[in-house]
PDB file of all heavy atoms in Angstrom:
ATOM      1  N   LEU A   1     -15.757  -2.015 -10.165  1.00  0.00           N
ATOM      2  CA  LEU A   1     -15.638  -1.419 -11.489  1.00  0.00           C
ATOM      3  C   LEU A   1     -16.835  -0.508 -11.731  1.00  0.00           C
ATOM      4  O   LEU A   1     -17.982  -0.954 -11.609  1.00  0.00           O
ATOM      5  CB  LEU A   1     -15.598  -2.528 -12.542  1.00  0.00           C
ATOM      6  CG  LEU A   1     -15.671  -2.088 -14.006  1.00  0.00           C
ATOM      7  CD1 LEU A   1     -14.462  -1.248 -14.378  1.00  0.00           C
ATOM      8  CD2 LEU A   1     -15.778  -3.314 -14.922  1.00  0.00           C
ATOM      9  N   VAL A   2     -16.556   0.741 -12.057  1.00  0.00           N
ATOM     10  CA  VAL A   2     -17.615   1.711 -12.330  1.00  0.00           C
ATOM     11  C   VAL A   2     -17.250   2.481 -13.592  1.00  0.00           C
ATOM     12  O   VAL A   2     -16.123   2.402 -14.086  1.00  0.00           O
ATOM     13  CB  VAL A   2     -17.829   2.691 -11.163  1.00  0.00           C
ATOM     14  CG1 VAL A   2     -18.288   1.952  -9.909  1.00  0.00           C
ATOM     15  CG2 VAL A   2     -16.562   3.488 -10.891  1.00  0.00           C
ATOM     16  N   GLN A   3     -18.202   3.243 -14.079  1.00  0.00           N
ATOM     17  CA  GLN A   3     -17.955   4.080 -15.242  1.00  0.00           C
ATOM     18  C   GLN A   3     -17.616   5.500 -14.806  1.00  0.00           C
ATOM     19  O   GLN A   3     -17.971   5.927 -13.701  1.00  0.00           O
ATOM     20  CB  GLN A   3     -19.183   4.085 -16.151  1.00  0.00           C
ATOM     21  CG  GLN A   3     -19.475   2.733 -16.792  1.00  0.00           C
ATOM     22  CD  GLN A   3     -20.607   2.812 -17.795  1.00  0.00           C
ATOM     23  OE1 GLN A   3     -21.497   3.637 -17.674  1.00  0.00           O
ATOM     24  NE2 GLN A   3     -20.561   1.955 -18.810  1.00  0.00           N
ATOM     25  N   ALA A   4     -16.970   6.224 -15.689  1.00  0.00           N
ATOM     26  CA  ALA A   4     -16.635   7.610 -15.403  1.00  0.00           C
ATOM     27  C   ALA A   4     -17.909   8.390 -15.064  1.00  0.00           C
ATOM     28  O   ALA A   4     -18.940   8.226 -15.728  1.00  0.00           O
ATOM     29  CB  ALA A   4     -15.936   8.242 -16.596  1.00  0.00           C
ATOM     30  N   GLY A   5     -17.815   9.198 -14.017  1.00  0.00           N
ATOM     31  CA  GLY A   5     -18.963   9.972 -13.567  1.00  0.00           C
ATOM     32  C   GLY A   5     -19.773   9.299 -12.469  1.00  0.00           C
ATOM     33  O   GLY A   5     -20.593   9.949 -11.820  1.00  0.00           O
ATOM     34  N   ASP A   6     -19.539   8.025 -12.248  1.00  0.00           N
ATOM     35  CA  ASP A   6     -20.266   7.288 -11.215  1.00  0.00           C
ATOM     36  C   ASP A   6     -19.720   7.608  -9.826  1.00  0.00           C
ATOM     37  O   ASP A   6     -18.684   8.261  -9.672  1.00  0.00           O
ATOM     38  CB  ASP A   6     -20.165   5.783 -11.461  1.00  0.00           C
ATOM     39  CG  ASP A   6     -21.051   5.323 -12.589  1.00  0.00           C
ATOM     40  OD1 ASP A   6     -21.859   6.133 -13.093  1.00  0.00           O
ATOM     41  OD2 ASP A   6     -20.929   4.143 -12.985  1.00  0.00           O
ATOM     42  N   SER A   7     -20.418   7.089  -8.841  1.00  0.00           N
ATOM     43  CA  SER A   7     -20.010   7.245  -7.442  1.00  0.00           C
ATOM     44  C   SER A   7     -19.747   5.882  -6.821  1.00  0.00           C
ATOM     45  O   SER A   7     -20.279   4.863  -7.272  1.00  0.00           O
ATOM     46  CB  SER A   7     -21.098   7.962  -6.637  1.00  0.00           C
ATOM     47  OG  SER A   7     -21.318   9.266  -7.133  1.00  0.00           O
ATOM     48  N   LEU A   8     -18.932   5.907  -5.777  1.00  0.00           N
ATOM     49  CA  LEU A   8     -18.583   4.681  -5.076  1.00  0.00           C
ATOM     50  C   LEU A   8     -18.238   5.057  -3.644  1.00  0.00           C
ATOM     51  O   LEU A   8     -17.642   6.120  -3.406  1.00  0.00           O
ATOM     52  CB  LEU A   8     -17.385   4.021  -5.752  1.00  0.00           C
ATOM     53  CG  LEU A   8     -17.117   2.532  -5.569  1.00  0.00           C
ATOM     54  CD1 LEU A   8     -18.305   1.708  -6.076  1.00  0.00           C
ATOM     55  CD2 LEU A   8     -15.852   2.141  -6.304  1.00  0.00           C
ATOM     56  N   THR A   9     -18.599   4.193  -2.709  1.00  0.00           N
ATOM     57  CA  THR A   9     -18.247   4.434  -1.315  1.00  0.00           C
ATOM     58  C   THR A   9     -17.394   3.286  -0.795  1.00  0.00           C
ATOM     59  O   THR A   9     -17.810   2.128  -0.848  1.00  0.00           O
ATOM     60  CB  THR A   9     -19.498   4.573  -0.433  1.00  0.00           C
ATOM     61  OG1 THR A   9     -20.270   5.688  -0.878  1.00  0.00           O
ATOM     62  CG2 THR A   9     -19.098   4.821   1.021  1.00  0.00           C
ATOM     63  N   LEU A  10     -16.226   3.619  -0.306  1.00  0.00           N
ATOM     64  CA  LEU A  10     -15.346   2.649   0.323  1.00  0.00           C
ATOM     65  C   LEU A  10     -15.569   2.661   1.828  1.00  0.00           C
ATOM     66  O   LEU A  10     -15.837   3.709   2.414  1.00  0.00           O
ATOM     67  CB  LEU A  10     -13.887   2.959   0.022  1.00  0.00           C
ATOM     68  CG  LEU A  10     -13.495   3.056  -1.456  1.00  0.00           C
ATOM     69  CD1 LEU A  10     -12.001   3.322  -1.574  1.00  0.00           C
ATOM     70  CD2 LEU A  10     -13.885   1.810  -2.200  1.00  0.00           C
ATOM     71  N   SER A  11     -15.440   1.493   2.443  1.00  0.00           N
ATOM     72  CA  SER A  11     -15.584   1.361   3.885  1.00  0.00           C
ATOM     73  C   SER A  11     -14.328   0.732   4.466  1.00  0.00           C
ATOM     74  O   SER A  11     -13.686  -0.100   3.826  1.00  0.00           O
ATOM     75  CB  SER A  11     -16.785   0.490   4.232  1.00  0.00           C
ATOM     76  OG  SER A  11     -17.978   1.012   3.697  1.00  0.00           O
ATOM     77  N   CYS A  12     -14.002   1.124   5.676  1.00  0.00           N
ATOM     78  CA  CYS A  12     -12.869   0.547   6.399  1.00  0.00           C
ATOM     79  C   CYS A  12     -13.335   0.270   7.821  1.00  0.00           C
ATOM     80  O   CYS A  12     -13.532   1.200   8.604  1.00  0.00           O
ATOM     81  CB  CYS A  12     -11.690   1.497   6.384  1.00  0.00           C
ATOM     82  SG  CYS A  12     -10.274   0.919   7.355  1.00  0.00           S
ATOM     83  N   SER A  13     -13.498  -0.985   8.153  1.00  0.00           N
ATOM     84  CA  SER A  13     -13.999  -1.372   9.466  1.00  0.00           C
ATOM     85  C   SER A  13     -12.862  -1.773  10.382  1.00  0.00           C
ATOM     86  O   SER A  13     -11.884  -2.397   9.959  1.00  0.00           O
ATOM     87  CB  SER A  13     -14.970  -2.538   9.326  1.00  0.00           C
ATOM     88  OG  SER A  13     -16.087  -2.158   8.549  1.00  0.00           O
ATOM     89  N   THR A  14     -13.015  -1.415  11.647  1.00  0.00           N
ATOM     90  CA  THR A  14     -12.006  -1.773  12.637  1.00  0.00           C
ATOM     91  C   THR A  14     -12.670  -1.956  13.997  1.00  0.00           C
ATOM     92  O   THR A  14     -13.898  -1.925  14.088  1.00  0.00           O
ATOM     93  CB  THR A  14     -10.901  -0.709  12.676  1.00  0.00           C
ATOM     94  OG1 THR A  14      -9.828  -1.158  13.505  1.00  0.00           O
ATOM     95  CG2 THR A  14     -11.442   0.610  13.225  1.00  0.00           C
ATOM     96  N   SER A  15     -11.865  -2.121  15.031  1.00  0.00           N
ATOM     97  CA  SER A  15     -12.418  -2.313  16.366  1.00  0.00           C
ATOM     98  C   SER A  15     -12.770  -0.971  16.999  1.00  0.00           C
ATOM     99  O   SER A  15     -12.294   0.082  16.574  1.00  0.00           O
ATOM    100  CB  SER A  15     -11.402  -3.035  17.251  1.00  0.00           C
ATOM    101  OG  SER A  15     -10.291  -2.181  17.501  1.00  0.00           O
ATOM    102  N   GLU A  16     -13.601  -1.041  18.021  1.00  0.00           N
ATOM    103  CA  GLU A  16     -13.965   0.171  18.734  1.00  0.00           C
ATOM    104  C   GLU A  16     -12.735   0.811  19.369  1.00  0.00           C
ATOM    105  O   GLU A  16     -12.590   2.039  19.378  1.00  0.00           O
ATOM    106  CB  GLU A  16     -15.001  -0.155  19.812  1.00  0.00           C
ATOM    107  CG  GLU A  16     -15.428   1.048  20.632  1.00  0.00           C
ATOM    108  CD  GLU A  16     -16.437   0.686  21.698  1.00  0.00           C
ATOM    109  OE1 GLU A  16     -16.766  -0.509  21.832  1.00  0.00           O
ATOM    110  OE2 GLU A  16     -16.902   1.593  22.406  1.00  0.00           O
ATOM    111  N   TRP A  17     -11.842  -0.012  19.884  1.00  0.00           N
ATOM    112  CA  TRP A  17     -10.641   0.502  20.545  1.00  0.00           C
ATOM    113  C   TRP A  17      -9.789   1.298  19.569  1.00  0.00           C
ATOM    114  O   TRP A  17      -9.313   2.382  19.875  1.00  0.00           O
ATOM    115  CB  TRP A  17      -9.826  -0.656  21.122  1.00  0.00           C
ATOM    116  CG  TRP A  17      -8.782  -0.221  22.088  1.00  0.00           C
ATOM    117  CD1 TRP A  17      -8.904  -0.097  23.440  1.00  0.00           C
ATOM    118  CD2 TRP A  17      -7.439   0.161  21.774  1.00  0.00           C
ATOM    119  NE1 TRP A  17      -7.718   0.356  23.985  1.00  0.00           N
ATOM    120  CE2 TRP A  17      -6.808   0.511  22.997  1.00  0.00           C
ATOM    121  CE3 TRP A  17      -6.708   0.252  20.595  1.00  0.00           C
ATOM    122  CZ2 TRP A  17      -5.495   0.935  23.050  1.00  0.00           C
ATOM    123  CZ3 TRP A  17      -5.391   0.678  20.654  1.00  0.00           C
ATOM    124  CH2 TRP A  17      -4.794   1.010  21.875  1.00  0.00           C
ATOM    125  N   THR A  18      -9.631   0.754  18.378  1.00  0.00           N
ATOM    126  CA  THR A  18      -8.834   1.433  17.364  1.00  0.00           C
ATOM    127  C   THR A  18      -9.526   2.701  16.901  1.00  0.00           C
ATOM    128  O   THR A  18      -8.920   3.770  16.797  1.00  0.00           O
ATOM    129  CB  THR A  18      -8.590   0.504  16.168  1.00  0.00           C
ATOM    130  OG1 THR A  18      -7.859  -0.641  16.608  1.00  0.00           O
ATOM    131  CG2 THR A  18      -7.824   1.219  15.073  1.00  0.00           C
ATOM    132  N   PHE A  19     -10.799   2.579  16.640  1.00  0.00           N
ATOM    133  CA  PHE A  19     -11.529   3.689  16.056  1.00  0.00           C
ATOM    134  C   PHE A  19     -11.524   4.912  16.964  1.00  0.00           C
ATOM    135  O   PHE A  19     -11.512   6.045  16.485  1.00  0.00           O
ATOM    136  CB  PHE A  19     -12.983   3.255  15.775  1.00  0.00           C
ATOM    137  CG  PHE A  19     -13.701   4.140  14.810  1.00  0.00           C
ATOM    138  CD1 PHE A  19     -13.444   4.081  13.459  1.00  0.00           C
ATOM    139  CD2 PHE A  19     -14.657   5.041  15.271  1.00  0.00           C
ATOM    140  CE1 PHE A  19     -14.108   4.896  12.570  1.00  0.00           C
ATOM    141  CE2 PHE A  19     -15.335   5.862  14.388  1.00  0.00           C
ATOM    142  CZ  PHE A  19     -15.057   5.784  13.037  1.00  0.00           C
ATOM    143  N   SER A  20     -11.509   4.705  18.251  1.00  0.00           N
ATOM    144  CA  SER A  20     -11.579   5.820  19.203  1.00  0.00           C
ATOM    145  C   SER A  20     -10.214   6.376  19.596  1.00  0.00           C
ATOM    146  O   SER A  20     -10.155   7.352  20.339  1.00  0.00           O
ATOM    147  CB  SER A  20     -12.320   5.383  20.465  1.00  0.00           C
ATOM    148  OG  SER A  20     -11.614   4.324  21.100  1.00  0.00           O
ATOM    149  N   ARG A  21      -9.128   5.792  19.099  1.00  0.00           N
ATOM    150  CA  ARG A  21      -7.797   6.237  19.520  1.00  0.00           C
ATOM    151  C   ARG A  21      -6.830   6.462  18.375  1.00  0.00           C
ATOM    152  O   ARG A  21      -5.712   6.925  18.598  1.00  0.00           O
ATOM    153  CB  ARG A  21      -7.180   5.206  20.472  1.00  0.00           C
ATOM    154  CG  ARG A  21      -7.906   5.075  21.794  1.00  0.00           C
ATOM    155  CD  ARG A  21      -7.396   3.879  22.582  1.00  0.00           C
ATOM    156  NE  ARG A  21      -8.002   3.773  23.907  1.00  0.00           N
ATOM    157  CZ  ARG A  21      -9.180   3.268  24.138  1.00  0.00           C
ATOM    158  NH1 ARG A  21      -9.916   2.823  23.139  1.00  0.00           N
ATOM    159  NH2 ARG A  21      -9.655   3.205  25.375  1.00  0.00           N
ATOM    160  N   TYR A  22      -7.240   6.118  17.163  1.00  0.00           N
ATOM    161  CA  TYR A  22      -6.342   6.181  16.030  1.00  0.00           C
ATOM    162  C   TYR A  22      -6.836   7.180  14.989  1.00  0.00           C
ATOM    163  O   TYR A  22      -8.015   7.192  14.634  1.00  0.00           O
ATOM    164  CB  TYR A  22      -6.218   4.804  15.361  1.00  0.00           C
ATOM    165  CG  TYR A  22      -5.327   3.838  16.104  1.00  0.00           C
ATOM    166  CD1 TYR A  22      -5.648   3.411  17.379  1.00  0.00           C
ATOM    167  CD2 TYR A  22      -4.160   3.366  15.520  1.00  0.00           C
ATOM    168  CE1 TYR A  22      -4.830   2.527  18.065  1.00  0.00           C
ATOM    169  CE2 TYR A  22      -3.332   2.479  16.195  1.00  0.00           C
ATOM    170  CZ  TYR A  22      -3.674   2.068  17.460  1.00  0.00           C
ATOM    171  OH  TYR A  22      -2.855   1.196  18.131  1.00  0.00           O
ATOM    172  N   ALA A  23      -5.906   7.992  14.502  1.00  0.00           N
ATOM    173  CA  ALA A  23      -6.197   8.789  13.321  1.00  0.00           C
ATOM    174  C   ALA A  23      -6.198   7.847  12.125  1.00  0.00           C
ATOM    175  O   ALA A  23      -5.449   6.865  12.092  1.00  0.00           O
ATOM    176  CB  ALA A  23      -5.139   9.869  13.142  1.00  0.00           C
ATOM    177  N   MET A  24      -7.035   8.133  11.153  1.00  0.00           N
ATOM    178  CA  MET A  24      -7.165   7.233  10.016  1.00  0.00           C
ATOM    179  C   MET A  24      -7.134   7.998   8.708  1.00  0.00           C
ATOM    180  O   MET A  24      -7.444   9.203   8.657  1.00  0.00           O
ATOM    181  CB  MET A  24      -8.463   6.428  10.137  1.00  0.00           C
ATOM    182  CG  MET A  24      -8.509   5.562  11.391  1.00  0.00           C
ATOM    183  SD  MET A  24     -10.026   4.609  11.540  1.00  0.00           S
ATOM    184  CE  MET A  24      -9.768   3.382  10.259  1.00  0.00           C
ATOM    185  N   GLY A  25      -6.787   7.293   7.671  1.00  0.00           N
ATOM    186  CA  GLY A  25      -6.709   7.950   6.372  1.00  0.00           C
ATOM    187  C   GLY A  25      -6.881   6.973   5.227  1.00  0.00           C
ATOM    188  O   GLY A  25      -6.914   5.755   5.416  1.00  0.00           O
ATOM    189  N   TRP A  26      -7.022   7.546   4.060  1.00  0.00           N
ATOM    190  CA  TRP A  26      -7.108   6.771   2.814  1.00  0.00           C
ATOM    191  C   TRP A  26      -5.948   7.175   1.903  1.00  0.00           C
ATOM    192  O   TRP A  26      -5.655   8.365   1.747  1.00  0.00           O
ATOM    193  CB  TRP A  26      -8.417   7.051   2.089  1.00  0.00           C
ATOM    194  CG  TRP A  26      -9.634   6.499   2.751  1.00  0.00           C
ATOM    195  CD1 TRP A  26     -10.518   7.154   3.553  1.00  0.00           C
ATOM    196  CD2 TRP A  26     -10.125   5.150   2.648  1.00  0.00           C
ATOM    197  NE1 TRP A  26     -11.511   6.315   3.967  1.00  0.00           N
ATOM    198  CE2 TRP A  26     -11.301   5.076   3.418  1.00  0.00           C
ATOM    199  CE3 TRP A  26      -9.685   4.009   1.983  1.00  0.00           C
ATOM    200  CZ2 TRP A  26     -12.046   3.900   3.551  1.00  0.00           C
ATOM    201  CZ3 TRP A  26     -10.426   2.852   2.106  1.00  0.00           C
ATOM    202  CH2 TRP A  26     -11.588   2.797   2.883  1.00  0.00           C
ATOM    203  N   PHE A  27      -5.340   6.173   1.294  1.00  0.00           N
ATOM    204  CA  PHE A  27      -4.304   6.374   0.297  1.00  0.00           C
ATOM    205  C   PHE A  27      -4.649   5.531  -0.916  1.00  0.00           C
ATOM    206  O   PHE A  27      -5.493   4.631  -0.840  1.00  0.00           O
ATOM    207  CB  PHE A  27      -2.933   5.957   0.853  1.00  0.00           C
ATOM    208  CG  PHE A  27      -2.422   6.879   1.925  1.00  0.00           C
ATOM    209  CD1 PHE A  27      -2.908   6.783   3.225  1.00  0.00           C
ATOM    210  CD2 PHE A  27      -1.477   7.842   1.648  1.00  0.00           C
ATOM    211  CE1 PHE A  27      -2.454   7.640   4.219  1.00  0.00           C
ATOM    212  CE2 PHE A  27      -1.009   8.705   2.632  1.00  0.00           C
ATOM    213  CZ  PHE A  27      -1.505   8.597   3.917  1.00  0.00           C
TER     214      PHE A  27
END
């Protein structure tokens, strides 16, 4: 929960195998 104007960083962790072979996105 943040206020309008604030910043936030989302993270998505996975395996090395996935990270090096998969396109990724945020929805």
